[in-house]
Amino acid sequence: MQERYRNWLFRILPLLLAWSFSPVHAETGVTNTRILLGQSAGLSGPTAQMSRQLLIGARAYFNKINKQGGVHGRRIELVTRDDRYIPSLAAYNTRQLIENDKVFALFGFVGLPTSQAALSVAAKARVPFFAPMTGGASVYSPFNRYVFTLRASYADEYLYALRNLSSMGLRKFALVYQQDQYGVSVKQAVESSAREEAVDLVTIDIDMDGRNVEPVVDKVLAARSEVVMLLSANYLTNARIVRALRGRGYLGQFFAISFVGQKALAEELGDLARGMLVTQVVPFPWRVSMPLVAEYRQCMSEAGYQDLTFSSLEGYIAARVLVEGLRRARRDLTREKLIRALESINVRNYDGGGYAINFSPDNHNASLFVDMAAMTSGARFLN
């Protein structure tokens, strides 16, 4: 009897092992050799340059990890779909990524309207939604256990700017905002920050295509605004506003937040960009004294990229933190294990190279970092 049992066990054991490690029974998007991530971003349209730069930075880091053997022997692959910064297309892309491409997690969506449209799809499917490139309030709260953000909110950026500019004696501000979900939500945050800092704020709406520039210029000049705060995701719209105001003799200060598409705007404006202030939610990409920046620059150089940008650094950081979460989730990878692994990352146990990351089970907003840079000639920046 015992001999018969041993023979039966030897025959069935290989089948049990094969069944246990078969991709059919693994988590969606995970096989023995790869982890599949999905992204929807505006690779064309008004956010194209930011989206492409974010992707370049992320891919540079993922490729570096893959060359080292991947994460627990698995390569990281990223499927990217173009949503042209259209919310309905972002929602459609998200469904396709989850249902057809069978991705493990979602990564690096770009913009508030598109991220918001994708969120309900991702949350319903219980798919982690990691590092969207937006500081919109609706992505940050209420708490959603499937969403992890790596950047300070737009409210944080505007409060930082208002405090710094008002400390210089500037008291009259004009906010030019676009008429969409992104613009209206940020407008509300700016109004709250303006009340907190006791500064005068006039808000002026502009069409999404930026065609109604002259009425905007008239209102800015009539308000005697010392600072014009640009709130449009379309860098061409922002450029029209700057050109029109400078053409009418405006000598005040221009300011924009990180999502302005600073590189594209600087190139579009040329010398007119000189002196414009921009808040940033990642470190200065040319600050070689910071270990994270030195590491990023070396990785970009090895990948063949000499053009450094804030957006590619943001993508690099996002990929770096996600890989840390995948490592901590260990070989038996599931979405729930990734969530718990990400929640364990904080400054006490993770070296961010000078950029603090703080997650916890009840906090999925990892960073409050805000800095400011000024545009100079030649589409360059000064910190």
Protein backbone atom coordinates (compact mmCIF):
# COMPACT_ATOMS: atom_id res chain seq x y z
CA MET A 1 0.00 0.00 0.00
CA GLN A 2 2.76 2.44 0.97
CA GLU A 3 4.69 1.62 -2.21
CA ARG A 4 1.58 2.25 -4.30
CA TYR A 5 1.03 5.60 -2.49
CA ARG A 6 4.63 6.69 -3.11
CA ASN A 7 4.36 5.84 -6.81
CA TRP A 8 1.13 7.80 -7.08
CA LEU A 9 2.68 10.78 -5.28
CA PHE A 10 5.72 10.84 -7.57
CA ARG A 11 3.41 10.86 -10.60
CA ILE A 12 1.12 13.62 -9.34
CA LEU A 13 3.75 15.90 -7.77
CA PRO A 14 5.09 17.37 -11.06
CA LEU A 15 1.52 18.13 -12.13
CA LEU A 16 0.79 19.91 -8.86
CA LEU A 17 3.95 21.98 -9.16
CA ALA A 18 3.16 22.91 -12.76
CA TRP A 19 -0.37 23.92 -11.75
CA SER A 20 0.91 26.01 -8.83
CA PHE A 21 3.30 28.04 -10.99
CA SER A 22 1.13 28.28 -14.08
CA PRO A 23 0.38 31.86 -15.23
CA VAL A 24 -3.28 30.85 -15.48
CA HIS A 25 -3.43 30.83 -11.68
CA ALA A 26 -1.21 33.87 -11.14
CA GLU A 27 -2.43 37.43 -10.59
CA THR A 28 -3.67 39.22 -13.72
CA GLY A 29 -0.77 40.84 -15.57
CA VAL A 30 1.86 38.71 -13.84
CA THR A 31 3.68 35.74 -15.34
CA ASN A 32 6.88 33.96 -14.40
CA THR A 33 8.85 36.38 -16.59
CA ARG A 34 7.04 39.71 -16.67
CA ILE A 35 4.86 42.29 -14.89
CA LEU A 36 2.55 44.21 -17.22
CA LEU A 37 1.65 47.82 -16.42
CA GLY A 38 -0.81 50.06 -18.25
CA GLN A 39 -0.79 53.79 -18.92
CA SER A 40 -3.12 56.26 -20.64
CA ALA A 41 -1.59 59.67 -21.36
CA GLY A 42 -1.88 62.54 -23.81
CA LEU A 43 0.91 61.57 -26.18
CA SER A 44 -0.74 63.97 -28.62
CA GLY A 45 -2.72 67.10 -27.79
CA PRO A 46 -1.94 69.90 -25.30
CA THR A 47 -0.14 67.73 -22.73
CA ALA A 48 1.98 65.81 -25.26
CA GLN A 49 5.38 67.08 -24.20
CA MET A 50 4.76 66.46 -20.48
CA SER A 51 3.36 63.00 -21.19
CA ARG A 52 6.24 62.00 -23.42
CA GLN A 53 8.83 63.29 -20.97
CA LEU A 54 7.18 61.44 -18.08
CA LEU A 55 7.27 58.26 -20.17
CA ILE A 56 10.93 58.76 -21.08
CA GLY A 57 11.96 59.04 -17.43
CA ALA A 58 9.89 56.04 -16.37
CA ARG A 59 11.12 53.83 -19.20
CA ALA A 60 14.72 54.79 -18.49
CA TYR A 61 14.40 53.42 -14.96
CA PHE A 62 12.34 50.36 -15.91
CA ASN A 63 14.86 49.46 -18.62
CA LYS A 64 17.69 49.84 -16.12
CA ILE A 65 15.95 47.40 -13.75
CA ASN A 66 15.19 44.97 -16.58
CA LYS A 67 18.85 44.90 -17.60
CA GLN A 68 19.67 43.95 -14.02
CA GLY A 69 17.31 40.97 -14.21
CA GLY A 70 14.01 42.63 -13.39
CA VAL A 71 12.13 42.37 -10.10
CA HIS A 72 12.34 38.86 -8.66
CA GLY A 73 13.24 37.65 -12.15
CA ARG A 74 10.36 39.42 -13.88
CA ARG A 75 10.77 42.13 -16.51
CA ILE A 76 8.59 45.22 -16.24
CA GLU A 77 6.64 46.04 -19.39
CA LEU A 78 4.50 49.15 -19.92
CA VAL A 79 1.62 49.38 -22.38
CA THR A 80 0.81 53.02 -23.21
CA ARG A 81 -2.33 54.28 -24.94
CA ASP A 82 -2.84 57.85 -26.18
CA ASP A 83 -5.89 59.64 -24.72
CA ARG A 84 -5.13 63.08 -26.26
CA TYR A 85 -6.08 64.61 -22.86
CA ILE A 86 -9.72 63.67 -23.50
CA PRO A 87 -11.47 62.25 -20.40
CA SER A 88 -13.83 59.92 -22.27
CA LEU A 89 -10.93 58.45 -24.22
CA ALA A 90 -8.93 58.00 -21.00
CA ALA A 91 -11.84 56.05 -19.48
CA TYR A 92 -12.08 53.90 -22.63
CA ASN A 93 -8.31 53.29 -22.61
CA THR A 94 -8.47 52.27 -18.96
CA ARG A 95 -11.14 49.68 -19.65
CA GLN A 96 -9.10 48.34 -22.57
CA LEU A 97 -5.95 48.14 -20.45
CA ILE A 98 -7.76 46.24 -17.70
CA GLU A 99 -10.10 44.03 -19.72
CA ASN A 100 -8.17 43.38 -22.95
CA ASP A 101 -4.49 44.00 -22.18
CA LYS A 102 -4.90 42.40 -18.73
CA VAL A 103 -2.49 44.75 -16.96
CA PHE A 104 -1.45 44.23 -13.35
CA ALA A 105 -1.54 47.92 -12.35
CA LEU A 106 -2.06 51.37 -13.85
CA PHE A 107 0.81 53.84 -13.93
CA GLY A 108 1.55 57.47 -14.81
CA PHE A 109 -1.75 58.85 -16.12
CA VAL A 110 -1.41 62.55 -17.03
CA GLY A 111 -3.87 65.30 -16.07
CA LEU A 112 -6.81 65.73 -13.72
CA PRO A 113 -9.78 65.27 -16.10
CA THR A 114 -8.29 62.13 -17.62
CA SER A 115 -7.15 60.68 -14.29
CA GLN A 116 -10.53 61.38 -12.74
CA ALA A 117 -12.29 59.63 -15.62
CA ALA A 118 -10.05 56.59 -15.22
CA LEU A 119 -10.29 56.37 -11.45
CA SER A 120 -13.81 55.02 -11.21
CA VAL A 121 -12.94 52.30 -13.73
CA ALA A 122 -9.76 51.35 -11.86
CA ALA A 123 -11.34 51.38 -8.40
CA LYS A 124 -14.28 49.26 -9.53
CA ALA A 125 -11.84 46.69 -10.95
CA ARG A 126 -9.64 46.94 -7.80
CA VAL A 127 -6.58 47.77 -9.86
CA PRO A 128 -3.84 49.92 -8.26
CA PHE A 129 -3.64 53.41 -9.80
CA PHE A 130 -0.10 54.63 -9.24
CA ALA A 131 1.52 58.08 -9.59
CA PRO A 132 -0.91 60.10 -11.72
CA MET A 133 0.66 63.34 -12.95
CA THR A 134 -1.86 65.68 -11.37
CA GLY A 135 -2.32 67.57 -8.14
CA GLY A 136 -6.10 67.81 -8.46
CA ALA A 137 -8.01 67.65 -5.18
CA SER A 138 -10.43 64.94 -6.31
CA VAL A 139 -7.54 62.51 -6.83
CA TYR A 140 -6.21 63.19 -3.33
CA SER A 141 -9.44 62.98 -1.37
CA PRO A 142 -11.52 61.26 -0.25
CA PHE A 143 -9.10 58.43 0.53
CA ASN A 144 -9.03 55.67 -2.08
CA ARG A 145 -6.92 52.64 -1.19
CA TYR A 146 -6.20 51.91 -4.86
CA VAL A 147 -4.72 55.38 -5.56
CA PHE A 148 -1.11 56.33 -4.73
CA THR A 149 0.20 59.83 -5.51
CA LEU A 150 3.81 60.99 -5.46
CA ARG A 151 3.48 64.76 -5.90
CA ALA A 152 2.25 67.67 -3.81
CA SER A 153 -1.25 68.89 -4.64
CA TYR A 154 -2.06 71.99 -6.69
CA ALA A 155 -3.35 73.57 -3.48
CA ASP A 156 0.10 73.01 -1.95
CA GLU A 157 1.76 74.63 -4.96
CA TYR A 158 -0.43 77.72 -4.95
CA LEU A 159 -0.14 78.20 -1.21
CA TYR A 160 3.64 77.98 -1.52
CA ALA A 161 3.64 80.54 -4.34
CA LEU A 162 1.27 82.98 -2.65
CA ARG A 163 3.28 82.89 0.57
CA ASN A 164 6.57 83.49 -1.21
CA LEU A 165 5.30 86.18 -3.57
CA SER A 166 3.32 88.03 -0.92
CA SER A 167 6.40 88.03 1.33
CA MET A 168 8.06 90.05 -1.45
CA GLY A 169 5.39 92.72 -1.06
CA LEU A 170 3.19 91.63 -3.98
CA ARG A 171 -0.49 91.86 -3.04
CA LYS A 172 -2.57 92.00 -6.25
CA PHE A 173 -2.97 88.71 -8.09
CA ALA A 174 -4.95 87.68 -11.17
CA LEU A 175 -5.73 84.00 -11.79
CA VAL A 176 -6.49 83.12 -15.42
CA TYR A 177 -8.11 79.68 -15.42
CA GLN A 178 -9.52 77.37 -18.07
CA GLN A 179 -13.18 76.41 -18.01
CA ASP A 180 -13.02 72.71 -17.25
CA GLN A 181 -12.90 70.38 -14.24
CA TYR A 182 -9.18 71.00 -13.79
CA GLY A 183 -9.46 74.77 -13.95
CA VAL A 184 -12.49 75.14 -11.70
CA SER A 185 -11.15 72.79 -9.01
CA VAL A 186 -7.79 74.56 -8.84
CA LYS A 187 -9.49 77.97 -8.87
CA GLN A 188 -11.26 77.00 -5.67
CA ALA A 189 -7.97 75.97 -4.06
CA VAL A 190 -6.34 79.26 -5.06
CA GLU A 191 -9.23 81.30 -3.67
CA SER A 192 -8.87 79.46 -0.36
CA SER A 193 -5.10 80.10 -0.27
CA ALA A 194 -5.61 83.77 -1.17
CA ARG A 195 -7.96 84.22 1.78
CA GLU A 196 -5.44 82.50 4.04
CA GLU A 197 -2.65 84.82 2.91
CA ALA A 198 -4.91 87.92 2.85
CA VAL A 199 -4.03 88.92 -0.72
CA ASP A 200 -6.26 90.49 -3.38
CA LEU A 201 -7.26 87.96 -6.03
CA VAL A 202 -9.29 88.45 -9.18
CA THR A 203 -10.25 85.32 -11.16
CA ILE A 204 -10.69 85.44 -14.93
CA ASP A 205 -11.89 82.51 -17.03
CA ILE A 206 -10.63 81.75 -20.51
CA ASP A 207 -11.88 79.39 -23.21
CA MET A 208 -10.17 76.01 -23.50
CA ASP A 209 -8.67 77.02 -26.87
CA GLY A 210 -7.47 80.35 -25.47
CA ARG A 211 -9.12 82.45 -28.17
CA ASN A 212 -10.75 85.07 -25.92
CA VAL A 213 -7.44 86.65 -24.95
CA GLU A 214 -8.29 90.34 -25.32
CA PRO A 215 -11.06 90.39 -22.67
CA VAL A 216 -8.66 88.60 -20.32
CA VAL A 217 -5.97 91.22 -20.94
CA ASP A 218 -8.45 94.03 -20.33
CA LYS A 219 -9.47 92.56 -16.95
CA VAL A 220 -5.88 91.96 -15.83
CA LEU A 221 -4.89 95.52 -16.65
CA ALA A 222 -8.05 96.99 -15.11
CA ALA A 223 -7.33 95.15 -11.85
CA ARG A 224 -3.76 96.53 -11.81
CA SER A 225 -2.55 92.99 -11.11
CA GLU A 226 1.04 92.65 -10.01
CA VAL A 227 1.15 88.89 -10.64
CA VAL A 228 -0.68 86.90 -13.33
CA MET A 229 -1.13 83.26 -12.37
CA LEU A 230 -1.59 81.06 -15.43
CA LEU A 231 -3.87 78.08 -14.98
CA SER A 232 -4.21 76.23 -18.26
CA ALA A 233 -2.96 72.80 -19.23
CA ASN A 234 -2.53 74.10 -22.79
CA TYR A 235 0.86 75.78 -23.07
CA LEU A 236 -0.23 77.55 -26.27
CA THR A 237 -3.06 79.25 -24.38
CA ASN A 238 -0.60 80.42 -21.72
CA ALA A 239 1.76 81.70 -24.41
CA ARG A 240 -1.04 83.73 -26.02
CA ILE A 241 -1.83 85.36 -22.68
CA VAL A 242 1.81 86.29 -22.03
CA ARG A 243 2.31 87.69 -25.54
CA ALA A 244 -0.92 89.70 -25.43
CA LEU A 245 -0.16 91.22 -22.02
CA ARG A 246 3.45 92.05 -22.88
CA GLY A 247 2.17 93.53 -26.13
CA ARG A 248 -0.08 95.87 -24.14
CA GLY A 249 2.81 96.98 -21.98
CA TYR A 250 2.25 94.79 -18.91
CA LEU A 251 5.41 94.70 -16.77
CA GLY A 252 4.22 92.50 -13.91
CA GLN A 253 5.22 88.97 -12.89
CA PHE A 254 3.96 85.74 -14.47
CA PHE A 255 3.59 82.55 -12.46
CA ALA A 256 2.47 79.01 -13.28
CA ILE A 257 2.31 75.67 -11.46
CA SER A 258 4.06 72.44 -12.41
CA PHE A 259 1.37 71.26 -14.84
CA VAL A 260 1.83 74.27 -17.13
CA GLY A 261 4.06 72.28 -19.50
CA GLN A 262 7.02 74.45 -18.61
CA LYS A 263 9.46 73.11 -21.20
CA ALA A 264 7.03 73.54 -24.10
CA LEU A 265 5.95 76.97 -22.83
CA ALA A 266 9.54 78.18 -22.49
CA GLU A 267 10.34 77.03 -26.03
CA GLU A 268 7.17 78.63 -27.39
CA LEU A 269 7.79 82.01 -25.73
CA GLY A 270 11.53 82.28 -26.31
CA ASP A 271 12.90 85.42 -24.68
CA LEU A 272 9.44 86.38 -23.43
CA ALA A 273 9.64 83.48 -20.97
CA ARG A 274 12.55 85.07 -19.11
CA GLY A 275 11.68 85.69 -15.46
CA MET A 276 8.51 83.60 -15.36
CA LEU A 277 8.20 81.68 -12.08
CA VAL A 278 7.10 78.04 -11.97
CA THR A 279 6.52 75.86 -8.92
CA GLN A 280 7.85 72.32 -9.12
CA VAL A 281 6.94 69.15 -7.24
CA VAL A 282 10.22 67.33 -7.91
CA PRO A 283 13.80 68.44 -7.22
CA PHE A 284 15.71 70.63 -9.67
CA PRO A 285 17.01 68.22 -12.39
CA TRP A 286 20.36 70.06 -12.54
CA ARG A 287 21.07 69.91 -8.78
CA VAL A 288 23.86 67.33 -9.01
CA SER A 289 24.57 67.55 -5.27
CA MET A 290 21.33 65.63 -4.58
CA PRO A 291 21.91 61.84 -4.77
CA LEU A 292 18.54 61.22 -6.49
CA VAL A 293 19.28 63.78 -9.20
CA ALA A 294 22.80 62.43 -9.76
CA GLU A 295 21.36 58.93 -10.12
CA TYR A 296 18.65 60.16 -12.53
CA ARG A 297 21.15 62.04 -14.68
CA GLN A 298 23.41 59.00 -14.96
CA CYS A 299 20.49 56.74 -15.88
CA MET A 300 19.23 59.19 -18.50
CA SER A 301 22.71 59.50 -19.99
CA GLU A 302 23.12 55.73 -20.16
CA ALA A 303 19.73 55.52 -21.88
CA GLY A 304 20.88 58.06 -24.48
CA TYR A 305 18.94 61.10 -23.26
CA GLN A 306 20.77 64.37 -22.73
CA ASP A 307 17.68 66.59 -22.37
CA LEU A 308 16.79 66.76 -18.67
CA THR A 309 13.31 67.93 -17.61
CA PHE A 310 11.13 68.13 -14.52
CA SER A 311 8.61 65.77 -16.14
CA SER A 312 11.13 63.03 -16.96
CA LEU A 313 12.45 63.25 -13.40
CA GLU A 314 8.88 62.83 -12.13
CA GLY A 315 8.50 59.72 -14.29
CA TYR A 316 11.85 58.40 -13.05
CA ILE A 317 10.83 58.87 -9.40
CA ALA A 318 7.47 57.19 -10.01
CA ALA A 319 9.13 54.15 -11.60
CA ARG A 320 11.73 54.00 -8.81
CA VAL A 321 9.14 53.95 -6.02
CA LEU A 322 6.90 51.45 -7.81
CA VAL A 323 9.84 49.08 -8.26
CA GLU A 324 10.53 49.34 -4.54
CA GLY A 325 6.93 48.34 -3.88
CA LEU A 326 7.19 45.39 -6.26
CA ARG A 327 10.35 44.21 -4.51
CA ARG A 328 8.72 44.40 -1.11
CA ALA A 329 5.67 42.50 -2.35
CA ARG A 330 8.03 39.57 -3.06
CA ARG A 331 7.82 36.83 -5.67
CA ASP A 332 4.26 35.75 -4.91
CA LEU A 333 2.93 39.01 -6.34
CA THR A 334 -0.70 40.09 -6.11
CA ARG A 335 -2.37 43.48 -6.30
CA GLU A 336 -3.27 43.37 -2.62
CA LYS A 337 0.31 42.53 -1.69
CA LEU A 338 1.55 45.45 -3.80
CA ILE A 339 -0.82 47.83 -2.00
CA ARG A 340 0.40 46.67 1.40
CA ALA A 341 4.03 46.83 0.25
CA LEU A 342 3.64 50.41 -1.00
CA GLU A 343 2.00 51.39 2.28
CA SER A 344 5.15 50.25 4.10
CA ILE A 345 7.44 52.73 2.28
CA ASN A 346 8.50 55.76 4.33
CA VAL A 347 11.58 57.85 5.14
CA ARG A 348 12.60 55.52 7.95
CA ASN A 349 13.08 52.51 5.68
CA TYR A 350 13.46 53.85 2.12
CA ASP A 351 16.30 55.95 0.70
CA GLY A 352 14.70 58.42 -1.67
CA GLY A 353 18.03 60.06 -2.46
CA GLY A 354 16.95 63.29 -0.81
CA TYR A 355 13.32 63.19 -1.96
CA ALA A 356 11.14 62.07 0.96
CA ILE A 357 8.48 59.41 0.32
CA ASN A 358 5.96 58.74 3.09
CA PHE A 359 3.16 56.22 2.57
CA SER A 360 1.11 54.47 5.25
CA PRO A 361 -2.10 52.41 5.40
CA ASP A 362 -4.13 55.60 5.88
CA ASN A 363 -2.02 57.95 3.74
CA HIS A 364 -1.43 57.35 0.03
CA ASN A 365 -0.14 60.88 -0.74
CA ALA A 366 3.61 60.43 -0.48
CA SER A 367 5.04 63.93 -0.89
CA LEU A 368 4.53 67.56 0.09
CA PHE A 369 7.66 68.76 -1.73
CA VAL A 370 7.28 72.11 -3.53
CA ASP A 371 10.06 74.27 -4.94
CA MET A 372 10.20 77.19 -7.35
CA ALA A 373 12.24 77.84 -10.48
CA ALA A 374 12.55 80.79 -12.85
CA MET A 375 12.68 80.54 -16.62
CA THR A 376 15.71 82.04 -18.35
CA SER A 377 16.70 82.36 -21.99
CA GLY A 378 17.08 79.32 -24.19
CA ALA A 379 14.28 77.36 -22.43
CA ARG A 380 16.48 76.97 -19.37
CA PHE A 381 15.64 77.22 -15.68
CA LEU A 382 17.24 78.78 -12.64
CA ASN A 383 16.64 77.47 -9.10
